Structures are given as C-alpha cells and as structure tokens.
Amino acid sequence: KQWYQREYGKQWYQRRVRGRDLTANFLHEAGCKDVVVEPRLLPLTGEILSLKSANTANDARLDVSARSVWSTGDKTFLDFRVFNSLAPTNSSLPVGQALLKHEEEKKRVYNERVLEVEKSTFSPIVCSTTGILGNEAQKFYRQLSVLLANRSGQTYENTIRYVRQRIAFCILKTTVASLRGFRGTKVTRFSSERNDINLLYLMNNLTHNF
C-alpha cells in the first residue's frame, strides 16, 4: 500500500509539473514579466479571510505567477490540477461539472487570499487526464495565445491551436507514462524564434492530406 501511494504521488506530481513548466515557458515567450515558478504568497498580516477553506499558511505557494497577462503590470497567479474523470469521486458527474467542481475547490482555497492580500488575479488551470480543459483554463490559454501571436507574428488561430495541442499532448503523455513508464526523448523548450506555428500547421495539414 505504501509503495502504491508513493508511486501514485509521483504520477500526480508529474502531471501537474509538466503542464506548469510548459505554461511558464509559453509565458516567457509571450513577453510576460516576472514569470516565477512556485512563487511564495505574501504572509497574512492580520487579514481575516471569510472562507474556512482558505489557505492561510505562511509558506503557501502557487504554481506560476507572471505580470502583464491580462493587463499591463497586473500580476496573475496560476495553480494547476489534473484529475482523473473516471475516478470514483468524478465518474458520477459529467466532465463539464467535474471540471467546474475542481475549479471551485481551487478558488475556495486561494482566490480570496490572492485578491485581498496579493492584490492580484487568480486562475485555476484545471483539466482532465484526457486533455479536456476547464472554463478558466480555456480563458487563460486564449489570452496567452493572443500575447504569443502578437509577439511572434503568427496568426491567432494557428497559435491557439498549437498551444492547445501542446497542453493536451503534455497531459496525455504523463497519463500514458503513469501506465507504462516513460519512454522517449527529453521535451524540447518552445521558442517562437525557432518554431513557425503557421508553417507547422501547414505541414500538419499536408501530412494528413497525403
């Protein structure tokens, strides 16, 4: 039992970390400022949070923070969760409702503290192990794609398609790895200077057509 819990913990951690690191990479490429992985939240200095579920620990951390995502200079915090939609706690719900449930859980823990103490915005990035994104995650990646397209000169349509594919395959890869072990090469870092998203999309269409 202890071995199972240890291995399950590793799998859960890898699912979250790979999506976190890929998103932080995209934020760098999009020109966002002060991108930080696992930023420490400011400690409470007498603030009283209304929700009992709120995280009040002095060493609390979220997954990623960055400035100038939604508006110039404003800070945004992200926290990731990848859940198994076929698990007993989720299988009784439609996928859309399960995604919303996990988003609300994240918000109850962190949203009030980020708004009141950090004076920033919070976006829970929730997705299923099959690569389905929650509403908050979809909004965030749409905005991120706008920033990437503006900075790289690529079209928005091809940019968001590319971002969604990278995120979905990143999640699916960790899910498959949890079943059969990791096999393959190291994940390459995305660079808008090295990768022409429009060209990649055209080559992908040509491959499917032939």
C-alpha atoms as a PDB file:
ATOM      1  CA  LYS A   1       0.000   0.000   0.000  1.00  0.00           C
ATOM      2  CA  GLN A   2       2.826   2.397   0.858  1.00  0.00           C
ATOM      3  CA  TRP A   3       4.508   1.651  -2.487  1.00  0.00           C
ATOM      4  CA  TYR A   4       1.242   2.372  -4.342  1.00  0.00           C
ATOM      5  CA  GLN A   5       0.741   5.661  -2.523  1.00  0.00           C
ATOM      6  CA  ARG A   6       4.342   6.677  -3.258  1.00  0.00           C
ATOM      7  CA  GLU A   7       4.067   5.815  -6.967  1.00  0.00           C
ATOM      8  CA  TYR A   8       0.652   7.488  -7.271  1.00  0.00           C
ATOM      9  CA  GLY A   9       2.105  10.622  -5.692  1.00  0.00           C
ATOM     10  CA  LYS A  10       4.904  10.679  -8.269  1.00  0.00           C
ATOM     11  CA  GLN A  11       2.414  10.328 -11.136  1.00  0.00           C
ATOM     12  CA  TRP A  12       0.167  13.108  -9.806  1.00  0.00           C
ATOM     13  CA  TYR A  13       3.187  15.374  -9.321  1.00  0.00           C
ATOM     14  CA  GLN A  14       4.486  14.755 -12.862  1.00  0.00           C
ATOM     15  CA  ARG A  15       1.092  15.553 -14.411  1.00  0.00           C
ATOM     16  CA  ARG A  16       0.960  18.899 -12.655  1.00  0.00           C
ATOM     17  CA  VAL A  17       4.640  19.830 -13.080  1.00  0.00           C
ATOM     18  CA  ARG A  18       4.837  19.198 -16.826  1.00  0.00           C
ATOM     19  CA  GLY A  19       1.815  21.388 -17.537  1.00  0.00           C
ATOM     20  CA  ARG A  20       3.147  24.031 -15.152  1.00  0.00           C
ATOM     21  CA  ASP A  21       6.588  24.160 -16.779  1.00  0.00           C
ATOM     22  CA  LEU A  22       5.185  24.229 -20.319  1.00  0.00           C
ATOM     23  CA  THR A  23       2.860  27.102 -19.409  1.00  0.00           C
ATOM     24  CA  ALA A  24       5.689  29.046 -17.742  1.00  0.00           C
ATOM     25  CA  ASN A  25       7.687  28.576 -20.943  1.00  0.00           C
ATOM     26  CA  PHE A  26       4.812  29.980 -23.012  1.00  0.00           C
ATOM     27  CA  LEU A  27       4.536  32.982 -20.658  1.00  0.00           C
ATOM     28  CA  HIS A  28       8.235  33.749 -21.146  1.00  0.00           C
ATOM     29  CA  GLU A  29       7.852  33.560 -24.919  1.00  0.00           C
ATOM     30  CA  ALA A  30       4.737  35.754 -24.812  1.00  0.00           C
ATOM     31  CA  GLY A  31       6.761  38.567 -23.226  1.00  0.00           C
ATOM     32  CA  CYS A  32       5.126  38.448 -19.789  1.00  0.00           C
ATOM     33  CA  LYS A  33       7.233  39.927 -16.997  1.00  0.00           C
ATOM     34  CA  ASP A  34       8.440  38.386 -13.727  1.00  0.00           C
ATOM     35  CA  VAL A  35       7.491  34.807 -14.591  1.00  0.00           C
ATOM     36  CA  VAL A  36       8.089  32.732 -11.454  1.00  0.00           C
ATOM     37  CA  VAL A  37       7.568  29.002 -10.891  1.00  0.00           C
ATOM     38  CA  GLU A  38       6.211  28.095  -7.432  1.00  0.00           C
ATOM     39  CA  PRO A  39       6.006  31.681  -6.110  1.00  0.00           C
ATOM     40  CA  ARG A  40       5.590  32.093  -2.362  1.00  0.00           C
ATOM     41  CA  LEU A  41       2.490  34.022  -1.318  1.00  0.00           C
ATOM     42  CA  LEU A  42       2.792  37.040   0.978  1.00  0.00           C
ATOM     43  CA  PRO A  43       2.155  36.078   4.635  1.00  0.00           C
ATOM     44  CA  LEU A  44      -1.016  37.280   6.283  1.00  0.00           C
ATOM     45  CA  THR A  45      -0.575  40.368   8.464  1.00  0.00           C
ATOM     46  CA  GLY A  46      -3.854  40.395  10.348  1.00  0.00           C
ATOM     47  CA  GLU A  47      -6.169  39.914   7.350  1.00  0.00           C
ATOM     48  CA  ILE A  48      -9.171  37.708   8.112  1.00  0.00           C
ATOM     49  CA  LEU A  49     -10.322  35.524   5.231  1.00  0.00           C
ATOM     50  CA  SER A  50     -14.040  34.733   5.150  1.00  0.00           C
ATOM     51  CA  LEU A  51     -13.761  31.122   3.969  1.00  0.00           C
ATOM     52  CA  LYS A  52     -12.587  28.409   6.358  1.00  0.00           C
ATOM     53  CA  SER A  53     -11.153  26.500   3.408  1.00  0.00           C
ATOM     54  CA  ALA A  54      -8.782  29.370   2.513  1.00  0.00           C
ATOM     55  CA  ASN A  55      -5.073  28.582   2.748  1.00  0.00           C
ATOM     56  CA  THR A  56      -3.601  30.785   5.485  1.00  0.00           C
ATOM     57  CA  ALA A  57      -0.183  29.127   5.785  1.00  0.00           C
ATOM     58  CA  ASN A  58       2.801  31.475   5.770  1.00  0.00           C
ATOM     59  CA  ASP A  59       4.716  29.166   3.409  1.00  0.00           C
ATOM     60  CA  ALA A  60       1.849  28.782   0.895  1.00  0.00           C
ATOM     61  CA  ARG A  61       2.881  28.616  -2.759  1.00  0.00           C
ATOM     62  CA  LEU A  62       1.103  28.517  -6.104  1.00  0.00           C
ATOM     63  CA  ASP A  63       2.402  27.012  -9.326  1.00  0.00           C
ATOM     64  CA  VAL A  64       3.163  30.029 -11.546  1.00  0.00           C
ATOM     65  CA  SER A  65       2.940  33.814 -11.357  1.00  0.00           C
ATOM     66  CA  ALA A  66       3.511  36.426 -14.060  1.00  0.00           C
ATOM     67  CA  ARG A  67       2.806  40.073 -14.837  1.00  0.00           C
ATOM     68  CA  SER A  68       1.085  41.606 -17.864  1.00  0.00           C
ATOM     69  CA  VAL A  69      -1.081  38.592 -18.707  1.00  0.00           C
ATOM     70  CA  TRP A  70      -4.492  40.278 -18.589  1.00  0.00           C
ATOM     71  CA  SER A  71      -3.360  43.910 -18.413  1.00  0.00           C
ATOM     72  CA  THR A  72      -0.017  45.707 -18.303  1.00  0.00           C
ATOM     73  CA  GLY A  73       1.719  45.377 -14.944  1.00  0.00           C
ATOM     74  CA  ASP A  74      -1.021  43.401 -13.186  1.00  0.00           C
ATOM     75  CA  LYS A  75       0.051  40.139 -11.571  1.00  0.00           C
ATOM     76  CA  THR A  76      -1.635  36.800 -12.185  1.00  0.00           C
ATOM     77  CA  PHE A  77      -1.279  33.589 -10.191  1.00  0.00           C
ATOM     78  CA  LEU A  78      -1.952  30.130 -11.636  1.00  0.00           C
ATOM     79  CA  ASP A  79      -2.469  26.804  -9.923  1.00  0.00           C
ATOM     80  CA  PHE A  80      -2.763  23.510 -11.785  1.00  0.00           C
ATOM     81  CA  ARG A  81      -4.826  20.399 -11.218  1.00  0.00           C
ATOM     82  CA  VAL A  82      -5.065  17.350 -13.483  1.00  0.00           C
ATOM     83  CA  PHE A  83      -7.766  14.924 -12.364  1.00  0.00           C
ATOM     84  CA  ASN A  84      -8.944  11.508 -13.483  1.00  0.00           C
ATOM     85  CA  SER A  85     -12.512  11.849 -14.750  1.00  0.00           C
ATOM     86  CA  LEU A  86     -13.010   8.064 -14.380  1.00  0.00           C
ATOM     87  CA  ALA A  87     -12.102   8.005 -10.673  1.00  0.00           C
ATOM     88  CA  PRO A  88     -14.987   7.105  -8.313  1.00  0.00           C
ATOM     89  CA  THR A  89     -15.203  10.682  -6.979  1.00  0.00           C
ATOM     90  CA  ASN A  90     -15.616  12.079 -10.516  1.00  0.00           C
ATOM     91  CA  SER A  91     -17.245   9.345 -12.615  1.00  0.00           C
ATOM     92  CA  SER A  92     -20.772  10.141 -11.408  1.00  0.00           C
ATOM     93  CA  LEU A  93     -20.531  13.669 -12.850  1.00  0.00           C
ATOM     94  CA  PRO A  94     -20.449  14.838 -16.478  1.00  0.00           C
ATOM     95  CA  VAL A  95     -16.935  16.013 -17.377  1.00  0.00           C
ATOM     96  CA  GLY A  96     -18.062  19.655 -17.522  1.00  0.00           C
ATOM     97  CA  GLN A  97     -19.456  19.527 -13.978  1.00  0.00           C
ATOM     98  CA  ALA A  98     -16.367  17.709 -12.694  1.00  0.00           C
ATOM     99  CA  LEU A  99     -14.148  20.426 -14.175  1.00  0.00           C
ATOM    100  CA  LEU A 100     -16.275  23.123 -12.538  1.00  0.00           C
ATOM    101  CA  LYS A 101     -16.168  21.307  -9.184  1.00  0.00           C
ATOM    102  CA  HIS A 102     -12.362  21.229  -9.174  1.00  0.00           C
ATOM    103  CA  GLU A 103     -12.155  24.870 -10.265  1.00  0.00           C
ATOM    104  CA  GLU A 104     -14.401  25.920  -7.387  1.00  0.00           C
ATOM    105  CA  GLU A 105     -12.296  23.906  -4.943  1.00  0.00           C
ATOM    106  CA  LYS A 106      -9.163  25.759  -6.077  1.00  0.00           C
ATOM    107  CA  LYS A 107     -10.912  29.110  -5.806  1.00  0.00           C
ATOM    108  CA  ARG A 108     -12.137  28.413  -2.275  1.00  0.00           C
ATOM    109  CA  VAL A 109      -8.569  27.702  -1.201  1.00  0.00           C
ATOM    110  CA  TYR A 110      -6.671  30.512  -2.953  1.00  0.00           C
ATOM    111  CA  ASN A 111      -8.863  33.097  -4.679  1.00  0.00           C
ATOM    112  CA  GLU A 112      -9.707  35.293  -1.686  1.00  0.00           C
ATOM    113  CA  ARG A 113      -6.113  35.380  -0.456  1.00  0.00           C
ATOM    114  CA  VAL A 114      -4.759  36.312  -3.875  1.00  0.00           C
ATOM    115  CA  LEU A 115      -7.354  39.073  -4.309  1.00  0.00           C
ATOM    116  CA  GLU A 116      -7.176  40.569  -0.809  1.00  0.00           C
ATOM    117  CA  VAL A 117      -3.506  40.077   0.114  1.00  0.00           C
ATOM    118  CA  GLU A 118      -1.646  39.897  -3.203  1.00  0.00           C
ATOM    119  CA  LYS A 119      -3.995  42.382  -4.941  1.00  0.00           C
ATOM    120  CA  SER A 120      -3.721  40.139  -7.985  1.00  0.00           C
ATOM    121  CA  THR A 121      -5.863  37.804 -10.069  1.00  0.00           C
ATOM    122  CA  PHE A 122      -6.104  34.024  -9.723  1.00  0.00           C
ATOM    123  CA  SER A 123      -6.782  31.478 -12.473  1.00  0.00           C
ATOM    124  CA  PRO A 124      -7.211  27.787 -11.617  1.00  0.00           C
ATOM    125  CA  ILE A 125      -5.892  25.697 -14.502  1.00  0.00           C
ATOM    126  CA  VAL A 126      -7.940  22.500 -14.282  1.00  0.00           C
ATOM    127  CA  CYS A 127      -8.024  19.713 -16.851  1.00  0.00           C
ATOM    128  CA  SER A 128      -8.835  16.030 -17.085  1.00  0.00           C
ATOM    129  CA  THR A 129      -6.302  13.300 -17.809  1.00  0.00           C
ATOM    130  CA  THR A 130      -7.782  13.085 -21.319  1.00  0.00           C
ATOM    131  CA  GLY A 131      -6.789  16.693 -22.037  1.00  0.00           C
ATOM    132  CA  ILE A 132     -10.156  18.459 -21.574  1.00  0.00           C
ATOM    133  CA  LEU A 133      -9.705  21.986 -20.194  1.00  0.00           C
ATOM    134  CA  GLY A 134     -11.963  23.768 -17.719  1.00  0.00           C
ATOM    135  CA  ASN A 135     -13.562  27.142 -18.486  1.00  0.00           C
ATOM    136  CA  GLU A 136     -10.955  29.134 -16.534  1.00  0.00           C
ATOM    137  CA  ALA A 137      -8.121  27.308 -18.281  1.00  0.00           C
ATOM    138  CA  GLN A 138      -9.677  27.947 -21.700  1.00  0.00           C
ATOM    139  CA  LYS A 139      -9.969  31.678 -20.970  1.00  0.00           C
ATOM    140  CA  PHE A 140      -6.367  31.830 -19.802  1.00  0.00           C
ATOM    141  CA  TYR A 141      -4.920  29.968 -22.800  1.00  0.00           C
ATOM    142  CA  ARG A 142      -6.951  32.108 -25.215  1.00  0.00           C
ATOM    143  CA  GLN A 143      -5.410  35.233 -23.682  1.00  0.00           C
ATOM    144  CA  LEU A 144      -1.959  33.633 -23.691  1.00  0.00           C
ATOM    145  CA  SER A 145      -2.375  32.796 -27.383  1.00  0.00           C
ATOM    146  CA  VAL A 146      -3.230  36.425 -28.140  1.00  0.00           C
ATOM    147  CA  LEU A 147       0.018  37.519 -26.483  1.00  0.00           C
ATOM    148  CA  LEU A 148       2.045  34.831 -28.263  1.00  0.00           C
ATOM    149  CA  ALA A 149       0.542  35.692 -31.653  1.00  0.00           C
ATOM    150  CA  ASN A 150       1.208  39.420 -31.209  1.00  0.00           C
ATOM    151  CA  ARG A 151       4.806  38.833 -30.186  1.00  0.00           C
ATOM    152  CA  SER A 152       5.708  36.176 -32.753  1.00  0.00           C
ATOM    153  CA  GLY A 153       3.761  37.489 -35.747  1.00  0.00           C
ATOM    154  CA  GLN A 154       1.843  34.219 -36.126  1.00  0.00           C
ATOM    155  CA  THR A 155      -1.919  34.105 -36.666  1.00  0.00           C
ATOM    156  CA  TYR A 156      -4.100  33.781 -33.573  1.00  0.00           C
ATOM    157  CA  GLU A 157      -5.992  30.773 -34.982  1.00  0.00           C
ATOM    158  CA  ASN A 158      -2.849  28.730 -35.545  1.00  0.00           C
ATOM    159  CA  THR A 159      -1.270  29.887 -32.290  1.00  0.00           C
ATOM    160  CA  ILE A 160      -4.158  28.815 -30.062  1.00  0.00           C
ATOM    161  CA  ARG A 161      -4.425  25.535 -31.955  1.00  0.00           C
ATOM    162  CA  TYR A 162      -0.732  24.912 -31.335  1.00  0.00           C
ATOM    163  CA  VAL A 163      -0.961  25.841 -27.634  1.00  0.00           C
ATOM    164  CA  ARG A 164      -3.981  23.581 -27.076  1.00  0.00           C
ATOM    165  CA  GLN A 165      -2.267  20.686 -28.825  1.00  0.00           C
ATOM    166  CA  ARG A 166       0.912  21.089 -26.767  1.00  0.00           C
ATOM    167  CA  ILE A 167      -1.041  21.225 -23.495  1.00  0.00           C
ATOM    168  CA  ALA A 168      -3.275  18.265 -24.400  1.00  0.00           C
ATOM    169  CA  PHE A 169      -0.377  16.067 -25.511  1.00  0.00           C
ATOM    170  CA  CYS A 170       1.653  17.072 -22.459  1.00  0.00           C
ATOM    171  CA  ILE A 171      -1.151  15.826 -20.198  1.00  0.00           C
ATOM    172  CA  LEU A 172      -1.764  12.678 -22.250  1.00  0.00           C
ATOM    173  CA  LYS A 173       1.952  11.871 -22.228  1.00  0.00           C
ATOM    174  CA  THR A 174       2.125  11.942 -18.436  1.00  0.00           C
ATOM    175  CA  THR A 175      -1.041   9.826 -18.227  1.00  0.00           C
ATOM    176  CA  VAL A 176       0.420   7.196 -20.555  1.00  0.00           C
ATOM    177  CA  ALA A 177       3.742   7.335 -18.683  1.00  0.00           C
ATOM    178  CA  SER A 178       1.930   6.574 -15.416  1.00  0.00           C
ATOM    179  CA  LEU A 179       0.631   3.338 -17.003  1.00  0.00           C
ATOM    180  CA  ARG A 180       3.664   2.083 -18.944  1.00  0.00           C
ATOM    181  CA  GLY A 181       6.611   4.155 -17.737  1.00  0.00           C
ATOM    182  CA  PHE A 182       8.417   6.992 -19.521  1.00  0.00           C
ATOM    183  CA  ARG A 183       9.976   6.194 -22.893  1.00  0.00           C
ATOM    184  CA  GLY A 184      11.159   8.847 -25.290  1.00  0.00           C
ATOM    185  CA  THR A 185      13.348  11.883 -25.679  1.00  0.00           C
ATOM    186  CA  LYS A 186      13.551  14.948 -23.493  1.00  0.00           C
ATOM    187  CA  VAL A 187      10.841  17.563 -24.087  1.00  0.00           C
ATOM    188  CA  THR A 188      12.226  20.455 -26.144  1.00  0.00           C
ATOM    189  CA  ARG A 189      11.688  24.011 -24.991  1.00  0.00           C
ATOM    190  CA  PHE A 190       9.297  26.025 -27.162  1.00  0.00           C
ATOM    191  CA  SER A 191      10.739  29.095 -28.858  1.00  0.00           C
ATOM    192  CA  SER A 192       8.816  31.458 -31.101  1.00  0.00           C
ATOM    193  CA  GLU A 193      12.110  32.255 -32.851  1.00  0.00           C
ATOM    194  CA  ARG A 194      12.783  28.612 -33.778  1.00  0.00           C
ATOM    195  CA  ASN A 195       9.193  27.495 -34.413  1.00  0.00           C
ATOM    196  CA  ASP A 196       6.946  28.946 -37.105  1.00  0.00           C
ATOM    197  CA  ILE A 197       3.485  27.960 -35.883  1.00  0.00           C
ATOM    198  CA  ASN A 198       1.851  28.794 -39.219  1.00  0.00           C
ATOM    199  CA  LEU A 199       4.370  26.575 -41.038  1.00  0.00           C
ATOM    200  CA  LEU A 200       3.877  23.752 -38.525  1.00  0.00           C
ATOM    201  CA  TYR A 201       0.118  23.919 -39.072  1.00  0.00           C
ATOM    202  CA  LEU A 202       0.562  23.845 -42.869  1.00  0.00           C
ATOM    203  CA  MET A 203       2.915  20.836 -42.687  1.00  0.00           C
ATOM    204  CA  ASN A 204       0.492  19.040 -40.377  1.00  0.00           C
ATOM    205  CA  ASN A 205      -2.335  19.536 -42.903  1.00  0.00           C
ATOM    206  CA  LEU A 206      -0.154  18.337 -45.784  1.00  0.00           C
ATOM    207  CA  THR A 207       0.795  15.217 -43.808  1.00  0.00           C
ATOM    208  CA  HIS A 208      -2.876  14.394 -43.165  1.00  0.00           C
ATOM    209  CA  ASN A 209      -3.849  15.027 -46.772  1.00  0.00           C
ATOM    210  CA  PHE A 210      -1.190  12.719 -48.148  1.00  0.00           C
END
